[in-house]
Amino acid sequence: MTEKILNTKKNGMAVLLGSLALYIAAILALIFGAVILDDGKLSGLALLIPGIIWILVGWLPFCGLKVLKPQEALVLTLFGKYIGTLKGEGFYFVNPFCTGVNPAAATKLSQSGDVDNSQQSLIGVLSNANGANAAAVQAAENGKKISLKIMTLSNSRQKINDCLGNPIEIGIAVMWRVVDTAKAVFNVDNYKEYLSLQCDSALRNIVRIYPYDVAPGVDTTGDGIADEGSLRGSSETVAARIRDEIQSKVQAAGIEIIEARITYLAYAPEIAAVMLQRQQASAIIDARKMIVDGAVGMVEMALERLSENKTVELDEERKAAMVSNLLVVLCGNKDAQPVVNSGSLY
């Protein structure tokens, strides 16, 4: 399906003024025709008949008047055949028998510019039936229009297993817009629901490739070489891959994916506490390793300085005892309480 833009229909104001002028002329024709016919002259029929005909069918041109605001489009069909799309703000006149098509008009998703007002409409019906009917008619008319604005789709959080089998919860926000109205309307049944389902599918496909945190021996790029990619540390790369995955799926629906962002990322509640302990243990091990490395370096330096300056001669047994004491002092969690030896060293 190829989109056809109707650029020669911005004559709605001329048609509106012309139709009103013809209505006024028809009313005057009815008045003068009735006066002439009342005088016994049959020539009044020449005014009465056209006036009556226009009064009966003159409302049809008004059905072809369409008003579009900026970043709106209207897909038109005539007796089931696609005839074109109106794009851009303006006052248009089309064939009165044309109908607007938007299968996603009644679909309400969690996204900007797409809010469900059903409860407000119900209150309006109970309080003011006439006003609610007028609002319903206006809503039905506006519902056929397709928004070309950039919209943000925020799907609900999903529980997905990462490449290591750990359950995580993740949510994304997708910025998108319609770029081909004909594909959006005719190639898929409901382009909003189609987009939402493809977002869920693409998210699962990409998340299963990555671990939550950096893990050894994991290949996330598909080149056969282990790397340090992870959901937590490579969020920009993951979001870009999600965007490309969604775009490849919704291309046939005339939708452009502008950006995808991770809005929520955490371990699932059933393993969150265990993973927190694991992270704390890893942090403690790393800190201890740094302390031990520093302590060993300080002991080595102390022994070298004592040997160079010949401050004291120590045999291997005394060196071992000194190393043990220094490591206890440097690596202990509490301040050391030294014992002063007032006697002989031996």
Protein backbone atom coordinates (compact mmCIF):
# COMPACT_ATOMS: atom_id res chain seq x y z
CA MET A 1 0.00 0.00 0.00
CA THR A 2 1.44 3.36 -1.11
CA GLU A 3 0.48 6.58 0.62
CA LYS A 4 -1.11 9.25 -1.59
CA ILE A 5 -1.12 12.82 -0.30
CA LEU A 6 -4.10 14.98 -1.34
CA ASN A 7 -2.66 18.50 -1.71
CA THR A 8 -5.43 20.07 -3.81
CA LYS A 9 -8.31 19.95 -1.34
CA LYS A 10 -7.74 23.14 0.69
CA ASN A 11 -10.89 24.85 -0.54
CA GLY A 12 -13.14 24.19 2.43
CA MET A 13 -13.79 27.88 3.16
CA ALA A 14 -14.89 28.57 -0.42
CA VAL A 15 -17.25 25.58 -0.39
CA LEU A 16 -18.64 26.61 3.01
CA LEU A 17 -19.35 30.21 1.93
CA GLY A 18 -20.73 29.04 -1.42
CA SER A 19 -23.07 26.53 0.24
CA LEU A 20 -24.34 29.16 2.70
CA ALA A 21 -24.88 31.60 -0.16
CA LEU A 22 -26.86 28.98 -2.07
CA TYR A 23 -28.97 28.30 1.03
CA ILE A 24 -29.78 31.98 1.30
CA ALA A 25 -30.59 32.05 -2.42
CA ALA A 26 -32.79 28.96 -2.04
CA ILE A 27 -34.74 30.59 0.79
CA LEU A 28 -35.23 33.75 -1.26
CA ALA A 29 -36.28 31.62 -4.25
CA LEU A 30 -38.90 29.88 -2.09
CA ILE A 31 -40.26 33.21 -0.89
CA PHE A 32 -40.43 34.89 -4.31
CA GLY A 33 -41.62 31.68 -6.00
CA ALA A 34 -44.47 31.36 -3.50
CA VAL A 35 -45.43 35.03 -4.06
CA ILE A 36 -45.38 34.65 -7.83
CA LEU A 37 -47.30 31.37 -7.67
CA ASP A 38 -49.84 33.01 -5.38
CA ASP A 39 -50.49 35.55 -8.12
CA GLY A 40 -51.50 32.72 -10.42
CA LYS A 41 -48.34 32.65 -12.47
CA LEU A 42 -46.80 29.24 -13.03
CA SER A 43 -43.40 30.81 -13.57
CA GLY A 44 -43.03 30.74 -9.80
CA LEU A 45 -42.43 26.98 -10.07
CA ALA A 46 -39.08 27.76 -11.71
CA LEU A 47 -38.00 29.28 -8.40
CA LEU A 48 -39.82 26.94 -6.03
CA ILE A 49 -38.55 23.63 -7.40
CA PRO A 50 -34.78 24.44 -7.35
CA GLY A 51 -35.19 26.07 -3.93
CA ILE A 52 -36.90 22.99 -2.47
CA ILE A 53 -34.31 20.66 -4.02
CA TRP A 54 -31.40 22.65 -2.55
CA ILE A 55 -33.06 22.84 0.86
CA LEU A 56 -33.37 19.03 0.85
CA VAL A 57 -29.90 18.12 -0.45
CA GLY A 58 -27.88 21.25 0.22
CA TRP A 59 -26.52 19.82 3.47
CA LEU A 60 -24.46 17.20 1.62
CA PRO A 61 -21.46 19.50 0.87
CA PHE A 62 -21.13 20.21 4.58
CA CYS A 63 -20.35 16.50 5.11
CA GLY A 64 -17.26 16.91 2.97
CA LEU A 65 -15.72 19.69 5.08
CA LYS A 66 -12.71 18.56 7.11
CA VAL A 67 -10.54 20.59 9.50
CA LEU A 68 -7.05 19.39 10.38
CA LYS A 69 -4.73 20.79 13.02
CA PRO A 70 -0.91 20.72 12.75
CA GLN A 71 0.61 17.22 12.82
CA GLU A 72 -2.67 15.50 11.99
CA ALA A 73 -3.66 13.29 9.06
CA LEU A 74 -6.90 11.78 7.79
CA VAL A 75 -7.02 8.62 5.68
CA LEU A 76 -9.98 8.70 3.28
CA THR A 77 -11.80 5.88 1.51
CA LEU A 78 -14.62 6.09 -1.00
CA PHE A 79 -16.91 3.05 -1.07
CA GLY A 80 -14.08 0.90 0.32
CA LYS A 81 -11.35 2.22 -1.99
CA TYR A 82 -8.40 4.19 -0.64
CA ILE A 83 -8.33 7.56 -2.38
CA GLY A 84 -5.66 9.44 -0.41
CA THR A 85 -4.54 11.08 2.82
CA LEU A 86 -5.00 14.64 4.00
CA LYS A 87 -1.89 15.96 5.79
CA GLY A 88 -1.15 19.30 7.34
CA GLU A 89 -3.30 21.95 8.95
CA GLY A 90 -6.08 23.47 6.89
CA PHE A 91 -9.75 23.58 5.95
CA TYR A 92 -10.44 20.88 3.35
CA PHE A 93 -13.33 19.86 1.15
CA VAL A 94 -13.55 16.29 -0.10
CA ASN A 95 -16.21 14.10 -1.61
CA PRO A 96 -19.09 14.07 0.93
CA PHE A 97 -19.31 10.30 0.62
CA CYS A 98 -15.68 9.81 1.70
CA THR A 99 -15.15 8.31 5.15
CA GLY A 100 -12.16 8.55 7.45
CA VAL A 101 -10.47 5.33 8.53
CA ASN A 102 -8.54 4.77 11.74
CA PRO A 103 -8.83 1.25 13.22
CA ALA A 104 -6.81 2.30 16.28
CA ALA A 105 -9.10 5.20 17.20
CA ALA A 106 -10.63 3.39 20.18
CA THR A 107 -7.35 1.84 21.38
CA LYS A 108 -6.00 3.47 24.53
CA LEU A 109 -2.42 2.77 25.56
CA SER A 110 -0.22 4.14 28.34
CA GLN A 111 1.31 6.86 26.22
CA SER A 112 1.33 10.60 25.82
CA GLY A 113 -1.57 12.06 23.88
CA ASP A 114 -3.65 8.92 24.23
CA VAL A 115 -5.70 9.18 27.42
CA ASP A 116 -8.89 7.26 28.14
CA ASN A 117 -11.70 9.69 29.01
CA SER A 118 -14.48 7.11 29.35
CA GLN A 119 -15.19 7.93 32.99
CA GLN A 120 -15.42 11.64 32.22
CA SER A 121 -17.79 10.91 29.34
CA LEU A 122 -20.02 8.84 31.65
CA ILE A 123 -20.24 11.73 34.12
CA GLY A 124 -21.10 14.03 31.24
CA VAL A 125 -23.95 11.77 30.17
CA LEU A 126 -25.43 11.72 33.64
CA SER A 127 -25.15 15.49 34.08
CA ASN A 128 -25.94 16.81 30.62
CA ALA A 129 -27.15 14.44 27.93
CA ASN A 130 -27.11 16.98 25.10
CA GLY A 131 -23.64 18.21 25.90
CA ALA A 132 -22.35 14.65 26.18
CA ASN A 133 -23.85 13.73 22.80
CA ALA A 134 -22.17 16.70 21.17
CA ALA A 135 -18.89 15.77 22.81
CA ALA A 136 -19.29 12.19 21.64
CA VAL A 137 -19.85 13.32 18.06
CA GLN A 138 -16.79 15.54 18.22
CA ALA A 139 -14.73 12.74 19.75
CA ALA A 140 -15.86 10.36 17.01
CA GLU A 141 -14.84 12.86 14.36
CA ASN A 142 -11.46 13.49 15.95
CA GLY A 143 -10.94 9.77 16.51
CA LYS A 144 -10.67 9.15 12.78
CA LYS A 145 -7.68 11.46 12.57
CA ILE A 146 -4.18 10.03 12.94
CA SER A 147 -1.68 11.93 15.04
CA LEU A 148 1.70 12.48 13.37
CA LYS A 149 3.27 13.79 16.58
CA ILE A 150 6.06 12.02 18.44
CA MET A 151 4.41 9.86 21.08
CA THR A 152 5.86 8.01 24.06
CA LEU A 153 4.76 4.44 24.70
CA SER A 154 5.52 3.14 28.20
CA ASN A 155 4.72 -0.55 28.43
CA SER A 156 4.27 -2.25 31.78
CA ARG A 157 7.25 -3.85 33.49
CA GLN A 158 8.10 -7.36 32.36
CA LYS A 159 9.76 -10.22 34.19
CA ILE A 160 12.41 -11.75 31.92
CA ASN A 161 15.28 -14.17 32.49
CA ASP A 162 18.69 -12.83 31.49
CA CYS A 163 21.31 -14.96 29.73
CA LEU A 164 22.32 -16.53 33.07
CA GLY A 165 18.75 -17.47 33.94
CA ASN A 166 18.32 -14.82 36.63
CA PRO A 167 14.79 -13.31 36.65
CA ILE A 168 14.80 -9.53 36.31
CA GLU A 169 12.15 -6.86 35.94
CA ILE A 170 12.62 -4.31 33.19
CA GLY A 171 10.55 -1.52 31.66
CA ILE A 172 11.14 0.62 28.57
CA ALA A 173 9.81 3.84 27.08
CA VAL A 174 9.61 4.03 23.28
CA MET A 175 9.36 7.30 21.34
CA TRP A 176 7.59 6.73 18.02
CA ARG A 177 5.49 8.36 15.32
CA VAL A 178 3.49 7.45 12.22
CA VAL A 179 5.32 8.26 8.98
CA ASP A 180 3.16 6.36 6.46
CA THR A 181 -0.56 6.56 7.21
CA ALA A 182 -1.58 4.13 4.47
CA LYS A 183 0.64 1.36 5.85
CA ALA A 184 -0.46 2.09 9.42
CA VAL A 185 -4.15 1.81 8.53
CA PHE A 186 -4.22 -0.93 5.91
CA ASN A 187 -1.15 -3.15 6.46
CA VAL A 188 -1.96 -4.08 10.07
CA ASP A 189 -5.21 -4.51 11.93
CA ASN A 190 -4.43 -2.04 14.74
CA TYR A 191 -1.10 -0.24 14.58
CA LYS A 192 -1.09 0.75 18.27
CA GLU A 193 -1.62 -2.78 19.54
CA TYR A 194 0.81 -4.06 16.92
CA LEU A 195 3.49 -1.66 18.18
CA SER A 196 2.87 -2.61 21.82
CA LEU A 197 3.20 -6.33 21.11
CA GLN A 198 6.36 -5.83 19.05
CA CYS A 199 7.89 -3.79 21.89
CA ASP A 200 7.29 -6.66 24.32
CA SER A 201 8.72 -9.22 21.90
CA ALA A 202 11.81 -7.17 21.04
CA LEU A 203 12.50 -6.47 24.70
CA ARG A 204 12.48 -10.18 25.53
CA ASN A 205 14.71 -11.05 22.57
CA ILE A 206 17.40 -8.52 23.52
CA VAL A 207 17.34 -8.94 27.31
CA ARG A 208 17.93 -12.70 26.98
CA ILE A 209 21.29 -11.95 25.34
CA TYR A 210 22.73 -9.95 28.26
CA PRO A 211 23.46 -10.73 31.91
CA TYR A 212 22.22 -8.30 34.53
CA ASP A 213 25.77 -7.55 35.65
CA VAL A 214 29.15 -8.25 34.08
CA ALA A 215 29.78 -12.01 33.98
CA PRO A 216 32.83 -13.93 32.71
CA GLY A 217 32.61 -15.97 29.52
CA VAL A 218 29.48 -14.28 28.13
CA ASP A 219 29.33 -13.18 24.47
CA THR A 220 26.70 -10.45 23.97
CA THR A 221 27.76 -9.29 20.50
CA GLY A 222 27.65 -12.62 18.67
CA ASP A 223 31.27 -12.49 17.50
CA GLY A 224 32.31 -15.52 19.54
CA ILE A 225 34.47 -13.48 21.92
CA ALA A 226 33.53 -12.94 25.55
CA ASP A 227 32.95 -9.30 26.45
CA GLU A 228 31.85 -7.16 29.38
CA GLY A 229 28.38 -6.27 28.11
CA SER A 230 25.58 -6.19 30.68
CA LEU A 231 22.14 -4.71 31.18
CA ARG A 232 23.31 -2.52 34.04
CA GLY A 233 26.61 -1.37 32.55
CA SER A 234 25.72 -1.17 28.84
CA SER A 235 22.29 0.45 29.02
CA GLU A 236 22.92 2.71 26.00
CA THR A 237 23.96 -0.22 23.81
CA VAL A 238 21.05 -2.35 25.01
CA ALA A 239 18.56 0.48 24.34
CA ALA A 240 19.97 0.97 20.83
CA ARG A 241 19.61 -2.74 20.06
CA ILE A 242 16.05 -2.73 21.39
CA ARG A 243 15.23 0.26 19.18
CA ASP A 244 16.67 -1.43 16.07
CA GLU A 245 14.82 -4.66 16.88
CA ILE A 246 11.48 -2.86 17.22
CA GLN A 247 12.08 -0.81 14.06
CA SER A 248 12.70 -3.94 12.00
CA LYS A 249 9.35 -5.34 13.18
CA VAL A 250 7.16 -2.23 12.68
CA GLN A 251 8.58 -1.05 9.36
CA ALA A 252 5.65 -2.63 7.51
CA ALA A 253 3.20 -0.67 9.70
CA GLY A 254 4.57 2.73 8.62
CA ILE A 255 5.94 3.52 12.10
CA GLU A 256 9.30 5.11 12.88
CA ILE A 257 10.98 4.32 16.20
CA ILE A 258 12.89 7.41 17.25
CA GLU A 259 14.33 6.24 20.54
CA ALA A 260 14.03 3.54 23.18
CA ARG A 261 15.08 3.99 26.79
CA ILE A 262 15.24 1.65 29.78
CA THR A 263 13.10 3.19 32.52
CA TYR A 264 13.31 0.44 35.15
CA LEU A 265 15.81 -2.33 35.79
CA ALA A 266 16.07 -4.52 38.89
CA TYR A 267 16.29 -8.12 39.99
CA ALA A 268 12.97 -9.84 40.55
CA PRO A 269 11.80 -9.67 44.20
CA GLU A 270 12.33 -13.40 44.80
CA ILE A 271 16.11 -13.15 44.23
CA ALA A 272 16.75 -9.47 44.96
CA ALA A 273 17.89 -10.09 48.57
CA VAL A 274 20.23 -12.92 47.56
CA MET A 275 21.75 -10.87 44.75
CA LEU A 276 22.26 -7.96 47.12
CA GLN A 277 24.21 -10.22 49.47
CA ARG A 278 26.23 -11.45 46.50
CA GLN A 279 27.11 -7.91 45.50
CA GLN A 280 28.04 -7.06 49.07
CA ALA A 281 30.26 -10.15 49.28
CA SER A 282 31.97 -9.22 46.01
CA ALA A 283 32.59 -5.70 47.30
CA ILE A 284 34.04 -7.05 50.57
CA ILE A 285 36.31 -9.47 48.70
CA ASP A 286 37.58 -6.72 46.42
CA ALA A 287 38.26 -4.45 49.40
CA ARG A 288 40.07 -7.22 51.29
CA LYS A 289 42.18 -8.01 48.25
CA MET A 290 43.26 -4.39 48.02
CA ILE A 291 44.10 -4.29 51.73
CA VAL A 292 46.16 -7.50 51.55
CA ASP A 293 48.05 -6.30 48.45
CA GLY A 294 48.91 -3.07 50.21
CA ALA A 295 49.92 -4.83 53.43
CA VAL A 296 52.23 -7.27 51.60
CA GLY A 297 53.89 -4.37 49.82
CA MET A 298 54.44 -2.54 53.09
CA VAL A 299 55.94 -5.65 54.76
CA GLU A 300 58.28 -6.20 51.82
CA MET A 301 59.39 -2.57 51.99
CA ALA A 302 59.96 -2.79 55.75
CA LEU A 303 62.13 -5.91 55.43
CA GLU A 304 64.15 -4.38 52.58
CA ARG A 305 64.78 -1.19 54.55
CA LEU A 306 65.88 -3.12 57.63
CA SER A 307 68.23 -5.23 55.54
CA GLU A 308 69.72 -2.26 53.67
CA ASN A 309 70.38 -0.18 56.78
CA LYS A 310 71.38 -3.25 58.85
CA THR A 311 69.29 -1.89 61.65
CA VAL A 312 68.75 -5.35 63.06
CA GLU A 313 69.75 -8.82 61.98
CA LEU A 314 66.82 -11.24 61.78
CA ASP A 315 66.92 -14.91 61.02
CA GLU A 316 64.22 -16.61 58.98
CA GLU A 317 62.17 -17.52 62.05
CA ARG A 318 62.15 -13.93 63.34
CA LYS A 319 61.36 -12.60 59.88
CA ALA A 320 58.36 -14.93 59.70
CA ALA A 321 57.19 -13.75 63.11
CA MET A 322 57.63 -10.10 62.07
CA VAL A 323 55.74 -10.64 58.83
CA SER A 324 52.91 -12.33 60.72
CA ASN A 325 52.69 -9.51 63.24
CA LEU A 326 52.74 -6.78 60.57
CA LEU A 327 50.05 -8.51 58.52
CA VAL A 328 47.86 -8.87 61.58
CA VAL A 329 48.29 -5.18 62.35
CA LEU A 330 47.76 -3.95 58.78
CA CYS A 331 44.92 -6.30 57.81
CA GLY A 332 42.98 -6.34 61.08
CA ASN A 333 39.56 -4.76 61.42
CA LYS A 334 40.42 -3.28 64.81
CA ASP A 335 43.29 -1.19 66.12
CA ALA A 336 46.24 -3.29 67.26
CA GLN A 337 47.19 -3.42 70.96
CA PRO A 338 50.96 -4.00 70.96
CA VAL A 339 52.76 -5.91 73.72
CA VAL A 340 56.08 -4.29 74.71
CA ASN A 341 58.91 -6.76 75.23
CA SER A 342 61.23 -5.37 77.91
CA GLY A 343 63.56 -8.34 77.92
CA SER A 344 66.01 -9.78 75.48
CA LEU A 345 65.00 -10.20 71.86
CA TYR A 346 65.88 -13.90 72.21
